[in-house]
Structure formats: C-alpha cells, structure tokens
Amino acid sequence: AGALPTFTIRITNTGGTTCLLDAGDAQRQ
C-alpha cells in the first residue's frame, strides 16, 4: 500500500536504417 508501480520501457530500432519515431505520451501507451 502506498508504493507506486514504475515501469521501464525500452524502444529499439530493429531495422537496418536510421529512422524517426514519435514516442510522445499521446502515441506511447
């Protein structure tokens, strides 16, 4: 009781080229 769950999220580019990703709070759930 009272302890707040904290989640570690990891996003990895598994492709073969550099790319751009919107990982803002409205996109990442």
mmCIF file of all heavy atoms, coordinates in Angstrom:
data_MODEL
# 
_entry.id   MODEL 
# 
loop_
_atom_site.group_PDB 
_atom_site.id 
_atom_site.type_symbol 
_atom_site.label_atom_id 
_atom_site.label_alt_id 
_atom_site.label_comp_id 
_atom_site.label_asym_id 
_atom_site.label_entity_id 
_atom_site.label_seq_id 
_atom_site.pdbx_PDB_ins_code 
_atom_site.Cartn_x 
_atom_site.Cartn_y 
_atom_site.Cartn_z 
_atom_site.occupancy 
_atom_site.B_iso_or_equiv 
_atom_site.pdbx_formal_charge 
_atom_site.auth_seq_id 
_atom_site.auth_comp_id 
_atom_site.auth_asym_id 
_atom_site.auth_atom_id 
_atom_site.pdbx_PDB_model_num 
ATOM 1   N N   . ALA A 1 1  ? 0.844  -1.196 0.000   1.00 0.00 ? 1  ALA A N   1 
ATOM 2   C CA  . ALA A 1 1  ? 0.000  0.000  0.000   1.00 0.00 ? 1  ALA A CA  1 
ATOM 3   C C   . ALA A 1 1  ? 0.879  1.246  0.000   1.00 0.00 ? 1  ALA A C   1 
ATOM 4   O O   . ALA A 1 1  ? 1.844  1.343  0.754   1.00 0.00 ? 1  ALA A O   1 
ATOM 5   C CB  . ALA A 1 1  ? -0.914 -0.011 1.215   1.00 0.00 ? 1  ALA A CB  1 
ATOM 6   N N   . GLY A 1 2  ? 0.566  2.174  -0.872  1.00 0.00 ? 2  GLY A N   1 
ATOM 7   C CA  . GLY A 1 2  ? 1.308  3.426  -0.960  1.00 0.00 ? 2  GLY A CA  1 
ATOM 8   C C   . GLY A 1 2  ? 2.482  3.404  -1.934  1.00 0.00 ? 2  GLY A C   1 
ATOM 9   O O   . GLY A 1 2  ? 2.961  4.459  -2.342  1.00 0.00 ? 2  GLY A O   1 
ATOM 10  N N   . ALA A 1 3  ? 2.974  2.235  -2.302  1.00 0.00 ? 3  ALA A N   1 
ATOM 11  C CA  . ALA A 1 3  ? 4.094  2.141  -3.253  1.00 0.00 ? 3  ALA A CA  1 
ATOM 12  C C   . ALA A 1 3  ? 3.559  2.322  -4.672  1.00 0.00 ? 3  ALA A C   1 
ATOM 13  O O   . ALA A 1 3  ? 2.527  1.751  -5.032  1.00 0.00 ? 3  ALA A O   1 
ATOM 14  C CB  . ALA A 1 3  ? 4.803  0.809  -3.122  1.00 0.00 ? 3  ALA A CB  1 
ATOM 15  N N   . LEU A 1 4  ? 4.262  3.122  -5.464  1.00 0.00 ? 4  LEU A N   1 
ATOM 16  C CA  . LEU A 1 4  ? 3.811  3.418  -6.825  1.00 0.00 ? 4  LEU A CA  1 
ATOM 17  C C   . LEU A 1 4  ? 4.543  2.548  -7.833  1.00 0.00 ? 4  LEU A C   1 
ATOM 18  O O   . LEU A 1 4  ? 5.779  2.559  -7.890  1.00 0.00 ? 4  LEU A O   1 
ATOM 19  C CB  . LEU A 1 4  ? 4.042  4.892  -7.150  1.00 0.00 ? 4  LEU A CB  1 
ATOM 20  C CG  . LEU A 1 4  ? 3.351  5.899  -6.231  1.00 0.00 ? 4  LEU A CG  1 
ATOM 21  C CD1 . LEU A 1 4  ? 3.670  7.322  -6.680  1.00 0.00 ? 4  LEU A CD1 1 
ATOM 22  C CD2 . LEU A 1 4  ? 1.859  5.657  -6.194  1.00 0.00 ? 4  LEU A CD2 1 
ATOM 23  N N   . PRO A 1 5  ? 3.813  1.801  -8.644  1.00 0.00 ? 5  PRO A N   1 
ATOM 24  C CA  . PRO A 1 5  ? 4.450  0.991  -9.688  1.00 0.00 ? 5  PRO A CA  1 
ATOM 25  C C   . PRO A 1 5  ? 5.180  1.876  -10.710 1.00 0.00 ? 5  PRO A C   1 
ATOM 26  O O   . PRO A 1 5  ? 4.639  2.871  -11.180 1.00 0.00 ? 5  PRO A O   1 
ATOM 27  C CB  . PRO A 1 5  ? 3.284  0.251  -10.344 1.00 0.00 ? 5  PRO A CB  1 
ATOM 28  C CG  . PRO A 1 5  ? 2.199  0.270  -9.320  1.00 0.00 ? 5  PRO A CG  1 
ATOM 29  C CD  . PRO A 1 5  ? 2.368  1.556  -8.581  1.00 0.00 ? 5  PRO A CD  1 
ATOM 30  N N   . THR A 1 6  ? 6.406  1.486  -11.011 1.00 0.00 ? 6  THR A N   1 
ATOM 31  C CA  . THR A 1 6  ? 7.210  2.190  -12.014 1.00 0.00 ? 6  THR A CA  1 
ATOM 32  C C   . THR A 1 6  ? 7.612  1.182  -13.080 1.00 0.00 ? 6  THR A C   1 
ATOM 33  O O   . THR A 1 6  ? 8.133  0.109  -12.772 1.00 0.00 ? 6  THR A O   1 
ATOM 34  C CB  . THR A 1 6  ? 8.465  2.822  -11.385 1.00 0.00 ? 6  THR A CB  1 
ATOM 35  O OG1 . THR A 1 6  ? 8.040  3.738  -10.364 1.00 0.00 ? 6  THR A OG1 1 
ATOM 36  C CG2 . THR A 1 6  ? 9.275  3.570  -12.419 1.00 0.00 ? 6  THR A CG2 1 
ATOM 37  N N   . PHE A 1 7  ? 7.350  1.545  -14.324 1.00 0.00 ? 7  PHE A N   1 
ATOM 38  C CA  . PHE A 1 7  ? 7.635  0.672  -15.460 1.00 0.00 ? 7  PHE A CA  1 
ATOM 39  C C   . PHE A 1 7  ? 8.773  1.277  -16.282 1.00 0.00 ? 7  PHE A C   1 
ATOM 40  O O   . PHE A 1 7  ? 8.786  2.468  -16.567 1.00 0.00 ? 7  PHE A O   1 
ATOM 41  C CB  . PHE A 1 7  ? 6.401  0.504  -16.346 1.00 0.00 ? 7  PHE A CB  1 
ATOM 42  C CG  . PHE A 1 7  ? 5.207  0.004  -15.589 1.00 0.00 ? 7  PHE A CG  1 
ATOM 43  C CD1 . PHE A 1 7  ? 4.235  0.882  -15.131 1.00 0.00 ? 7  PHE A CD1 1 
ATOM 44  C CD2 . PHE A 1 7  ? 5.071  -1.345 -15.305 1.00 0.00 ? 7  PHE A CD2 1 
ATOM 45  C CE1 . PHE A 1 7  ? 3.146  0.420  -14.412 1.00 0.00 ? 7  PHE A CE1 1 
ATOM 46  C CE2 . PHE A 1 7  ? 3.986  -1.816 -14.593 1.00 0.00 ? 7  PHE A CE2 1 
ATOM 47  C CZ  . PHE A 1 7  ? 3.018  -0.934 -14.140 1.00 0.00 ? 7  PHE A CZ  1 
ATOM 48  N N   . THR A 1 8  ? 9.724  0.434  -16.656 1.00 0.00 ? 8  THR A N   1 
ATOM 49  C CA  . THR A 1 8  ? 10.792 0.847  -17.556 1.00 0.00 ? 8  THR A CA  1 
ATOM 50  C C   . THR A 1 8  ? 10.428 0.371  -18.947 1.00 0.00 ? 8  THR A C   1 
ATOM 51  O O   . THR A 1 8  ? 10.177 -0.817 -19.151 1.00 0.00 ? 8  THR A O   1 
ATOM 52  C CB  . THR A 1 8  ? 12.143 0.250  -17.120 1.00 0.00 ? 8  THR A CB  1 
ATOM 53  O OG1 . THR A 1 8  ? 12.441 0.722  -15.803 1.00 0.00 ? 8  THR A OG1 1 
ATOM 54  C CG2 . THR A 1 8  ? 13.254 0.660  -18.074 1.00 0.00 ? 8  THR A CG2 1 
ATOM 55  N N   . ILE A 1 9  ? 10.357 1.315  -19.868 1.00 0.00 ? 9  ILE A N   1 
ATOM 56  C CA  . ILE A 1 9  ? 10.022 0.969  -21.255 1.00 0.00 ? 9  ILE A CA  1 
ATOM 57  C C   . ILE A 1 9  ? 11.257 1.183  -22.122 1.00 0.00 ? 9  ILE A C   1 
ATOM 58  O O   . ILE A 1 9  ? 12.026 2.117  -21.924 1.00 0.00 ? 9  ILE A O   1 
ATOM 59  C CB  . ILE A 1 9  ? 8.821  1.777  -21.772 1.00 0.00 ? 9  ILE A CB  1 
ATOM 60  C CG1 . ILE A 1 9  ? 9.117  3.273  -21.751 1.00 0.00 ? 9  ILE A CG1 1 
ATOM 61  C CG2 . ILE A 1 9  ? 7.586  1.474  -20.970 1.00 0.00 ? 9  ILE A CG2 1 
ATOM 62  C CD1 . ILE A 1 9  ? 8.049  4.097  -22.402 1.00 0.00 ? 9  ILE A CD1 1 
ATOM 63  N N   . ARG A 1 10 ? 11.424 0.283  -23.048 1.00 0.00 ? 10 ARG A N   1 
ATOM 64  C CA  . ARG A 1 10 ? 12.591 0.312  -23.947 1.00 0.00 ? 10 ARG A CA  1 
ATOM 65  C C   . ARG A 1 10 ? 12.084 0.174  -25.379 1.00 0.00 ? 10 ARG A C   1 
ATOM 66  O O   . ARG A 1 10 ? 11.393 -0.788 -25.706 1.00 0.00 ? 10 ARG A O   1 
ATOM 67  C CB  . ARG A 1 10 ? 13.538 -0.816 -23.581 1.00 0.00 ? 10 ARG A CB  1 
ATOM 68  C CG  . ARG A 1 10 ? 14.830 -0.833 -24.343 1.00 0.00 ? 10 ARG A CG  1 
ATOM 69  C CD  . ARG A 1 10 ? 15.725 -1.962 -23.795 1.00 0.00 ? 10 ARG A CD  1 
ATOM 70  N NE  . ARG A 1 10 ? 16.926 -2.110 -24.553 1.00 0.00 ? 10 ARG A NE  1 
ATOM 71  C CZ  . ARG A 1 10 ? 18.053 -1.465 -24.314 1.00 0.00 ? 10 ARG A CZ  1 
ATOM 72  N NH1 . ARG A 1 10 ? 18.124 -0.635 -23.308 1.00 0.00 ? 10 ARG A NH1 1 
ATOM 73  N NH2 . ARG A 1 10 ? 19.108 -1.660 -25.067 1.00 0.00 ? 10 ARG A NH2 1 
ATOM 74  N N   . ILE A 1 11 ? 12.449 1.155  -26.217 1.00 0.00 ? 11 ILE A N   1 
ATOM 75  C CA  . ILE A 1 11 ? 12.054 1.168  -27.624 1.00 0.00 ? 11 ILE A CA  1 
ATOM 76  C C   . ILE A 1 11 ? 13.322 1.025  -28.449 1.00 0.00 ? 11 ILE A C   1 
ATOM 77  O O   . ILE A 1 11 ? 14.242 1.824  -28.315 1.00 0.00 ? 11 ILE A O   1 
ATOM 78  C CB  . ILE A 1 11 ? 11.328 2.475  -27.981 1.00 0.00 ? 11 ILE A CB  1 
ATOM 79  C CG1 . ILE A 1 11 ? 10.112 2.676  -27.066 1.00 0.00 ? 11 ILE A CG1 1 
ATOM 80  C CG2 . ILE A 1 11 ? 10.936 2.496  -29.446 1.00 0.00 ? 11 ILE A CG2 1 
ATOM 81  C CD1 . ILE A 1 11 ? 9.520  4.069  -27.135 1.00 0.00 ? 11 ILE A CD1 1 
ATOM 82  N N   . THR A 1 12 ? 13.388 0.001  -29.309 1.00 0.00 ? 12 THR A N   1 
ATOM 83  C CA  . THR A 1 12 ? 14.593 -0.287 -30.084 1.00 0.00 ? 12 THR A CA  1 
ATOM 84  C C   . THR A 1 12 ? 14.280 -0.284 -31.575 1.00 0.00 ? 12 THR A C   1 
ATOM 85  O O   . THR A 1 12 ? 13.260 -0.820 -32.003 1.00 0.00 ? 12 THR A O   1 
ATOM 86  C CB  . THR A 1 12 ? 15.170 -1.666 -29.687 1.00 0.00 ? 12 THR A CB  1 
ATOM 87  O OG1 . THR A 1 12 ? 15.371 -1.705 -28.276 1.00 0.00 ? 12 THR A OG1 1 
ATOM 88  C CG2 . THR A 1 12 ? 16.490 -1.942 -30.394 1.00 0.00 ? 12 THR A CG2 1 
ATOM 89  N N   . ASN A 1 13 ? 15.177 0.321  -32.349 1.00 0.00 ? 13 ASN A N   1 
ATOM 90  C CA  . ASN A 1 13 ? 15.085 0.250  -33.812 1.00 0.00 ? 13 ASN A CA  1 
ATOM 91  C C   . ASN A 1 13 ? 15.725 -1.075 -34.226 1.00 0.00 ? 13 ASN A C   1 
ATOM 92  O O   . ASN A 1 13 ? 16.932 -1.225 -34.189 1.00 0.00 ? 13 ASN A O   1 
ATOM 93  C CB  . ASN A 1 13 ? 15.815 1.434  -34.454 1.00 0.00 ? 13 ASN A CB  1 
ATOM 94  C CG  . ASN A 1 13 ? 15.847 1.344  -35.974 1.00 0.00 ? 13 ASN A CG  1 
ATOM 95  O OD1 . ASN A 1 13 ? 15.248 0.459  -36.577 1.00 0.00 ? 13 ASN A OD1 1 
ATOM 96  N ND2 . ASN A 1 13 ? 16.561 2.257  -36.597 1.00 0.00 ? 13 ASN A ND2 1 
ATOM 97  N N   . THR A 1 14 ? 14.907 -2.041 -34.617 1.00 0.00 ? 14 THR A N   1 
ATOM 98  C CA  . THR A 1 14 ? 15.415 -3.348 -35.028 1.00 0.00 ? 14 THR A CA  1 
ATOM 99  C C   . THR A 1 14 ? 15.650 -3.422 -36.540 1.00 0.00 ? 14 THR A C   1 
ATOM 100 O O   . THR A 1 14 ? 16.051 -4.461 -37.044 1.00 0.00 ? 14 THR A O   1 
ATOM 101 C CB  . THR A 1 14 ? 14.440 -4.459 -34.607 1.00 0.00 ? 14 THR A CB  1 
ATOM 102 O OG1 . THR A 1 14 ? 13.165 -4.214 -35.221 1.00 0.00 ? 14 THR A OG1 1 
ATOM 103 C CG2 . THR A 1 14 ? 14.286 -4.506 -33.091 1.00 0.00 ? 14 THR A CG2 1 
ATOM 104 N N   . GLY A 1 15 ? 15.408 -2.298 -37.229 1.00 0.00 ? 15 GLY A N   1 
ATOM 105 C CA  . GLY A 1 15 ? 15.597 -2.262 -38.675 1.00 0.00 ? 15 GLY A CA  1 
ATOM 106 C C   . GLY A 1 15 ? 17.053 -2.009 -39.039 1.00 0.00 ? 15 GLY A C   1 
ATOM 107 O O   . GLY A 1 15 ? 17.926 -1.868 -38.183 1.00 0.00 ? 15 GLY A O   1 
ATOM 108 N N   . GLY A 1 16 ? 17.304 -1.918 -40.336 1.00 0.00 ? 16 GLY A N   1 
ATOM 109 C CA  . GLY A 1 16 ? 18.661 -1.758 -40.839 1.00 0.00 ? 16 GLY A CA  1 
ATOM 110 C C   . GLY A 1 16 ? 19.055 -0.333 -41.157 1.00 0.00 ? 16 GLY A C   1 
ATOM 111 O O   . GLY A 1 16 ? 20.184 -0.078 -41.555 1.00 0.00 ? 16 GLY A O   1 
ATOM 112 N N   . THR A 1 17 ? 18.129 0.642  -40.999 1.00 0.00 ? 17 THR A N   1 
ATOM 113 C CA  . THR A 1 17 ? 18.441 2.028  -41.304 1.00 0.00 ? 17 THR A CA  1 
ATOM 114 C C   . THR A 1 17 ? 17.993 2.935  -40.172 1.00 0.00 ? 17 THR A C   1 
ATOM 115 O O   . THR A 1 17 ? 17.080 2.603  -39.414 1.00 0.00 ? 17 THR A O   1 
ATOM 116 C CB  . THR A 1 17 ? 17.747 2.499  -42.600 1.00 0.00 ? 17 THR A CB  1 
ATOM 117 O OG1 . THR A 1 17 ? 16.328 2.366  -42.426 1.00 0.00 ? 17 THR A OG1 1 
ATOM 118 C CG2 . THR A 1 17 ? 18.179 1.690  -43.798 1.00 0.00 ? 17 THR A CG2 1 
ATOM 119 N N   . THR A 1 18 ? 18.627 4.094  -40.078 1.00 0.00 ? 18 THR A N   1 
ATOM 120 C CA  . THR A 1 18 ? 18.239 5.098  -39.094 1.00 0.00 ? 18 THR A CA  1 
ATOM 121 C C   . THR A 1 18 ? 16.843 5.594  -39.443 1.00 0.00 ? 18 THR A C   1 
ATOM 122 O O   . THR A 1 18 ? 16.516 5.807  -40.606 1.00 0.00 ? 18 THR A O   1 
ATOM 123 C CB  . THR A 1 18 ? 19.238 6.262  -39.110 1.00 0.00 ? 18 THR A CB  1 
ATOM 124 O OG1 . THR A 1 18 ? 20.521 5.757  -38.746 1.00 0.00 ? 18 THR A OG1 1 
ATOM 125 C CG2 . THR A 1 18 ? 18.835 7.362  -38.142 1.00 0.00 ? 18 THR A CG2 1 
ATOM 126 N N   . CYS A 1 19 ? 16.008 5.761  -38.412 1.00 0.00 ? 19 CYS A N   1 
ATOM 127 C CA  . CYS A 1 19 ? 14.636 6.201  -38.662 1.00 0.00 ? 19 CYS A CA  1 
ATOM 128 C C   . CYS A 1 19 ? 14.156 7.096  -37.530 1.00 0.00 ? 19 CYS A C   1 
ATOM 129 O O   . CYS A 1 19 ? 14.770 7.185  -36.470 1.00 0.00 ? 19 CYS A O   1 
ATOM 130 C CB  . CYS A 1 19 ? 13.705 5.004  -38.843 1.00 0.00 ? 19 CYS A CB  1 
ATOM 131 S SG  . CYS A 1 19 ? 13.575 3.932  -37.393 1.00 0.00 ? 19 CYS A SG  1 
ATOM 132 N N   . LEU A 1 20 ? 13.029 7.745  -37.774 1.00 0.00 ? 20 LEU A N   1 
ATOM 133 C CA  . LEU A 1 20 ? 12.446 8.709  -36.856 1.00 0.00 ? 20 LEU A CA  1 
ATOM 134 C C   . LEU A 1 20 ? 11.139 8.150  -36.308 1.00 0.00 ? 20 LEU A C   1 
ATOM 135 O O   . LEU A 1 20 ? 10.315 7.635  -37.046 1.00 0.00 ? 20 LEU A O   1 
ATOM 136 C CB  . LEU A 1 20 ? 12.193 10.017 -37.614 1.00 0.00 ? 20 LEU A CB  1 
ATOM 137 C CG  . LEU A 1 20 ? 11.755 11.221 -36.816 1.00 0.00 ? 20 LEU A CG  1 
ATOM 138 C CD1 . LEU A 1 20 ? 12.845 11.624 -35.826 1.00 0.00 ? 20 LEU A CD1 1 
ATOM 139 C CD2 . LEU A 1 20 ? 11.465 12.385 -37.759 1.00 0.00 ? 20 LEU A CD2 1 
ATOM 140 N N   . LEU A 1 21 ? 10.952 8.266  -34.979 1.00 0.00 ? 21 LEU A N   1 
ATOM 141 C CA  . LEU A 1 21 ? 9.764  7.707  -34.328 1.00 0.00 ? 21 LEU A CA  1 
ATOM 142 C C   . LEU A 1 21 ? 9.211  8.709  -33.331 1.00 0.00 ? 21 LEU A C   1 
ATOM 143 O O   . LEU A 1 21 ? 9.948  9.233  -32.496 1.00 0.00 ? 21 LEU A O   1 
ATOM 144 C CB  . LEU A 1 21 ? 10.141 6.408  -33.599 1.00 0.00 ? 21 LEU A CB  1 
ATOM 145 C CG  . LEU A 1 21 ? 9.036  5.718  -32.817 1.00 0.00 ? 21 LEU A CG  1 
ATOM 146 C CD1 . LEU A 1 21 ? 7.963  5.173  -33.759 1.00 0.00 ? 21 LEU A CD1 1 
ATOM 147 C CD2 . LEU A 1 21 ? 9.604  4.593  -31.973 1.00 0.00 ? 21 LEU A CD2 1 
ATOM 148 N N   . ASP A 1 22 ? 7.904  8.982  -33.411 1.00 0.00 ? 22 ASP A N   1 
ATOM 149 C CA  . ASP A 1 22 ? 7.243  9.825  -32.411 1.00 0.00 ? 22 ASP A CA  1 
ATOM 150 C C   . ASP A 1 22 ? 6.835  8.924  -31.247 1.00 0.00 ? 22 ASP A C   1 
ATOM 151 O O   . ASP A 1 22 ? 5.942  8.094  -31.374 1.00 0.00 ? 22 ASP A O   1 
ATOM 152 C CB  . ASP A 1 22 ? 6.022  10.523 -33.008 1.00 0.00 ? 22 ASP A CB  1 
ATOM 153 C CG  . ASP A 1 22 ? 5.327  11.443 -31.998 1.00 0.00 ? 22 ASP A CG  1 
ATOM 154 O OD1 . ASP A 1 22 ? 5.817  11.565 -30.853 1.00 0.00 ? 22 ASP A OD1 1 
ATOM 155 O OD2 . ASP A 1 22 ? 4.300  12.045 -32.368 1.00 0.00 ? 22 ASP A OD2 1 
ATOM 156 N N   . ALA A 1 23 ? 7.525  9.092  -30.121 1.00 0.00 ? 23 ALA A N   1 
ATOM 157 C CA  . ALA A 1 23 ? 7.243  8.291  -28.933 1.00 0.00 ? 23 ALA A CA  1 
ATOM 158 C C   . ALA A 1 23 ? 6.716  9.161  -27.800 1.00 0.00 ? 23 ALA A C   1 
ATOM 159 O O   . ALA A 1 23 ? 6.933  8.894  -26.621 1.00 0.00 ? 23 ALA A O   1 
ATOM 160 C CB  . ALA A 1 23 ? 8.505  7.547  -28.489 1.00 0.00 ? 23 ALA A CB  1 
ATOM 161 N N   . GLY A 1 24 ? 6.008  10.241 -28.168 1.00 0.00 ? 24 GLY A N   1 
ATOM 162 C CA  . GLY A 1 24 ? 5.422  11.129 -27.169 1.00 0.00 ? 24 GLY A CA  1 
ATOM 163 C C   . GLY A 1 24 ? 4.324  10.433 -26.372 1.00 0.00 ? 24 GLY A C   1 
ATOM 164 O O   . GLY A 1 24 ? 3.843  9.355  -26.729 1.00 0.00 ? 24 GLY A O   1 
ATOM 165 N N   . ASP A 1 25 ? 3.924  11.065 -25.273 1.00 0.00 ? 25 ASP A N   1 
ATOM 166 C CA  . ASP A 1 25 ? 2.931  10.460 -24.373 1.00 0.00 ? 25 ASP A CA  1 
ATOM 167 C C   . ASP A 1 25 ? 1.599  10.160 -25.061 1.00 0.00 ? 25 ASP A C   1 
ATOM 168 O O   . ASP A 1 25 ? 0.898  9.240  -24.666 1.00 0.00 ? 25 ASP A O   1 
ATOM 169 C CB  . ASP A 1 25 ? 2.683  11.378 -23.175 1.00 0.00 ? 25 ASP A CB  1 
ATOM 170 C CG  . ASP A 1 25 ? 3.872  11.442 -22.239 1.00 0.00 ? 25 ASP A CG  1 
ATOM 171 O OD1 . ASP A 1 25 ? 4.715  10.527 -22.285 1.00 0.00 ? 25 ASP A OD1 1 
ATOM 172 O OD2 . ASP A 1 25 ? 3.972  12.412 -21.467 1.00 0.00 ? 25 ASP A OD2 1 
ATOM 173 N N   . ALA A 1 26 ? 1.248  10.938 -26.080 1.00 0.00 ? 26 ALA A N   1 
ATOM 174 C CA  . ALA A 1 26 ? -0.013 10.688 -26.775 1.00 0.00 ? 26 ALA A CA  1 
ATOM 175 C C   . ALA A 1 26 ? 0.083  9.502  -27.728 1.00 0.00 ? 26 ALA A C   1 
ATOM 176 O O   . ALA A 1 26 ? -0.935 8.930  -28.123 1.00 0.00 ? 26 ALA A O   1 
ATOM 177 C CB  . ALA A 1 26 ? -0.448 11.931 -27.540 1.00 0.00 ? 26 ALA A CB  1 
ATOM 178 N N   . GLN A 1 27 ? 1.297  9.111  -28.110 1.00 0.00 ? 27 GLN A N   1 
ATOM 179 C CA  . GLN A 1 27 ? 1.498  7.998  -29.038 1.00 0.00 ? 27 GLN A CA  1 
ATOM 180 C C   . GLN A 1 27 ? 1.849  6.698  -28.327 1.00 0.00 ? 27 GLN A C   1 
ATOM 181 O O   . GLN A 1 27 ? 1.472  5.624  -28.754 1.00 0.00 ? 27 GLN A O   1 
ATOM 182 C CB  . GLN A 1 27 ? 2.632  8.343  -30.021 1.00 0.00 ? 27 GLN A CB  1 
ATOM 183 C CG  . GLN A 1 27 ? 2.455  9.647  -30.752 1.00 0.00 ? 27 GLN A CG  1 
ATOM 184 C CD  . GLN A 1 27 ? 1.199  9.690  -31.584 1.00 0.00 ? 27 GLN A CD  1 
ATOM 185 O OE1 . GLN A 1 27 ? 0.822  8.708  -32.200 1.00 0.00 ? 27 GLN A OE1 1 
ATOM 186 N NE2 . GLN A 1 27 ? 0.535  10.822 -31.590 1.00 0.00 ? 27 GLN A NE2 1 
ATOM 187 N N   . ARG A 1 28 ? 2.606  6.818  -27.242 1.00 0.00 ? 28 ARG A N   1 
ATOM 188 C CA  . ARG A 1 28 ? 3.101  5.650  -26.498 1.00 0.00 ? 28 ARG A CA  1 
ATOM 189 C C   . ARG A 1 28 ? 2.147  5.403  -25.330 1.00 0.00 ? 28 ARG A C   1 
ATOM 190 O O   . ARG A 1 28 ? 1.950  6.262  -24.478 1.00 0.00 ? 28 ARG A O   1 
ATOM 191 C CB  . ARG A 1 28 ? 4.508  5.982  -25.981 1.00 0.00 ? 28 ARG A CB  1 
ATOM 192 C CG  . ARG A 1 28 ? 5.137  4.893  -25.174 1.00 0.00 ? 28 ARG A CG  1 
ATOM 193 C CD  . ARG A 1 28 ? 6.333  5.421  -24.404 1.00 0.00 ? 28 ARG A CD  1 
ATOM 194 N NE  . ARG A 1 28 ? 5.896  6.329  -23.363 1.00 0.00 ? 28 ARG A NE  1 
ATOM 195 C CZ  . ARG A 1 28 ? 6.436  7.512  -23.106 1.00 0.00 ? 28 ARG A CZ  1 
ATOM 196 N NH1 . ARG A 1 28 ? 7.420  7.963  -23.809 1.00 0.00 ? 28 ARG A NH1 1 
ATOM 197 N NH2 . ARG A 1 28 ? 5.966  8.252  -22.129 1.00 0.00 ? 28 ARG A NH2 1 
ATOM 198 N N   . GLN A 1 29 ? 1.542  4.220  -25.281 1.00 0.00 ? 29 GLN A N   1 
ATOM 199 C CA  . GLN A 1 29 ? 0.538  3.933  -24.255 1.00 0.00 ? 29 GLN A CA  1 
ATOM 200 C C   . GLN A 1 29 ? 0.960  2.783  -23.353 1.00 0.00 ? 29 GLN A C   1 
ATOM 201 O O   . GLN A 1 29 ? 1.347  1.714  -23.821 1.00 0.00 ? 29 GLN A O   1 
ATOM 202 C CB  . GLN A 1 29 ? -0.797 3.576  -24.895 1.00 0.00 ? 29 GLN A CB  1 
ATOM 203 C CG  . GLN A 1 29 ? -1.890 3.310  -23.872 1.00 0.00 ? 29 GLN A CG  1 
ATOM 204 C CD  . GLN A 1 29 ? -3.178 2.840  -24.504 1.00 0.00 ? 29 GLN A CD  1 
ATOM 205 O OE1 . GLN A 1 29 ? -3.204 1.787  -25.134 1.00 0.00 ? 29 GLN A OE1 1 
ATOM 206 N NE2 . GLN A 1 29 ? -4.239 3.615  -24.334 1.00 0.00 ? 29 GLN A NE2 1 
# 
